[in-house]
């Protein structure tokens, strides 16, 4: 099972930026999807962004133009650059990984992002 360690959450003012990191350990994978979900109190967990091995990315509509997902393959790390943050972005952000060959998946522990003035 892949282990995921998240970091980078915190408190930021509206309009500010944060970069989340998710480091995966255990194996180097050829075919995978890795991304970010978020969950606010009282709401369902929702997809934020995903990147596939090969570089294809996808974003939820509300994040397009503000959030960017990227990879650093040598360190098995995925980043989420969040710009122009809004109060409605406040949530716990979870890293997610799935091996597309075996369908085995893993979740990070979550990191809190709070956007408030």
Protein backbone atom coordinates (compact mmCIF):
# COMPACT_ATOMS: atom_id res chain seq x y z
CA UNK A 1 0.00 0.00 0.00
CA UNK A 2 1.25 3.45 -0.93
CA UNK A 3 1.75 5.83 1.97
CA UNK A 4 0.86 9.50 1.41
CA UNK A 5 2.13 12.37 3.53
CA UNK A 6 0.59 15.80 3.06
CA UNK A 7 1.83 19.22 4.06
CA UNK A 8 1.33 22.89 3.26
CA UNK A 9 -2.05 23.72 4.74
CA UNK A 10 -2.66 26.70 6.95
CA UNK A 11 -4.44 30.00 7.39
CA UNK A 12 -4.44 32.51 4.55
CA UNK A 13 -6.35 35.69 3.75
CA UNK A 14 -8.75 35.86 0.82
CA UNK A 15 -6.80 36.42 -2.37
CA UNK A 16 -3.74 34.72 -0.97
CA UNK A 17 -1.95 31.58 -2.06
CA UNK A 18 -0.89 28.25 -0.66
CA UNK A 19 0.92 25.27 -2.07
CA UNK A 20 0.04 21.80 -0.84
CA UNK A 21 2.44 18.90 -1.16
CA UNK A 22 1.80 15.18 -1.16
CA UNK A 23 4.71 12.75 -1.06
CA UNK A 24 4.11 9.12 -1.96
CA UNK A 25 6.30 6.32 -0.71
CA UNK A 26 6.52 2.59 -1.31
CA UNK A 27 6.88 2.16 -5.06
CA UNK A 28 7.48 3.87 -8.35
CA UNK A 29 4.43 3.51 -10.55
CA UNK A 30 4.03 3.58 -14.31
CA UNK A 31 0.26 4.03 -14.57
CA UNK A 32 -1.54 5.99 -11.90
CA UNK A 33 -3.83 8.83 -11.06
CA UNK A 34 -3.02 11.17 -8.22
CA UNK A 35 -4.83 14.22 -7.04
CA UNK A 36 -6.65 16.20 -4.42
CA UNK A 37 -10.08 16.09 -2.88
CA UNK A 38 -11.48 18.43 -0.28
CA UNK A 39 -14.22 18.27 2.31
CA UNK A 40 -15.78 21.15 4.20
CA UNK A 41 -17.88 20.65 7.34
CA UNK A 42 -21.35 19.45 6.44
CA UNK A 43 -20.46 18.90 2.80
CA UNK A 44 -19.53 15.91 0.69
CA UNK A 45 -15.98 15.27 -0.32
CA UNK A 46 -15.36 16.69 -3.78
CA UNK A 47 -12.68 16.33 -6.40
CA UNK A 48 -10.36 19.30 -6.74
CA UNK A 49 -7.80 18.22 -9.33
CA UNK A 50 -6.15 15.10 -10.68
CA UNK A 51 -3.05 14.32 -12.70
CA UNK A 52 -2.42 11.06 -14.55
CA UNK A 53 0.85 9.39 -15.36
CA UNK A 54 1.59 10.90 -18.73
CA UNK A 55 0.67 14.39 -17.61
CA UNK A 56 -3.03 14.76 -18.36
CA UNK A 57 -4.76 16.92 -15.76
CA UNK A 58 -8.34 17.64 -14.84
CA UNK A 59 -9.92 20.23 -12.56
CA UNK A 60 -13.25 20.92 -11.02
CA UNK A 61 -14.87 23.90 -12.72
CA UNK A 62 -14.66 26.17 -9.69
CA UNK A 63 -10.90 25.67 -9.46
CA UNK A 64 -10.02 26.20 -13.11
CA UNK A 65 -7.75 29.18 -13.54
CA UNK A 66 -6.92 29.37 -9.83
CA UNK A 67 -5.50 25.96 -8.92
CA UNK A 68 -2.69 24.07 -10.62
CA UNK A 69 -1.68 20.47 -10.02
CA UNK A 70 1.85 19.38 -10.83
CA UNK A 71 4.24 16.49 -10.30
CA UNK A 72 7.84 15.97 -9.33
CA UNK A 73 8.57 12.41 -10.39
CA UNK A 74 12.03 12.00 -8.80
CA UNK A 75 10.53 12.65 -5.35
CA UNK A 76 7.14 11.03 -6.03
CA UNK A 77 5.48 14.26 -5.01
CA UNK A 78 2.36 15.98 -6.27
CA UNK A 79 1.65 19.64 -5.60
CA UNK A 80 -1.45 21.76 -5.60
CA UNK A 81 -0.76 25.44 -6.14
CA UNK A 82 -3.77 27.42 -4.97
CA UNK A 83 -4.03 31.08 -5.96
CA UNK A 84 -6.67 33.73 -5.37
CA UNK A 85 -8.09 31.72 -2.51
CA UNK A 86 -11.65 32.35 -1.43
CA UNK A 87 -13.40 31.68 1.89
CA UNK A 88 -15.37 28.90 0.21
CA UNK A 89 -12.09 27.08 -0.40
CA UNK A 90 -11.87 26.42 3.34
CA UNK A 91 -11.79 22.66 3.81
CA UNK A 92 -9.66 19.70 4.70
CA UNK A 93 -7.70 18.75 1.61
CA UNK A 94 -6.90 15.09 1.02
CA UNK A 95 -4.33 13.64 -1.30
CA UNK A 96 -5.42 10.56 -3.23
CA UNK A 97 -3.55 7.94 -5.21
CA UNK A 98 -4.74 5.03 -7.32
CA UNK A 99 -2.67 2.46 -9.15
CA UNK A 100 -4.47 2.11 -12.46
CA UNK A 101 -3.13 -1.40 -13.02
CA UNK A 102 -4.31 -2.91 -9.74
CA UNK A 103 -6.92 -0.35 -8.66
CA UNK A 104 -5.28 -0.22 -5.24
CA UNK A 105 -5.72 3.24 -3.72
CA UNK A 106 -4.57 5.33 -0.78
CA UNK A 107 -5.60 8.50 1.00
CA UNK A 108 -3.48 11.06 2.77
CA UNK A 109 -4.26 12.15 6.30
CA UNK A 110 -5.67 15.50 5.24
CA UNK A 111 -4.39 19.03 5.70
CA UNK A 112 -6.53 21.95 6.83
CA UNK A 113 -6.83 25.01 4.61
CA UNK A 114 -8.58 28.00 6.12
CA UNK A 115 -9.25 31.15 4.09
CA UNK A 116 -10.37 34.00 6.30
CA UNK A 117 -9.77 37.68 6.88
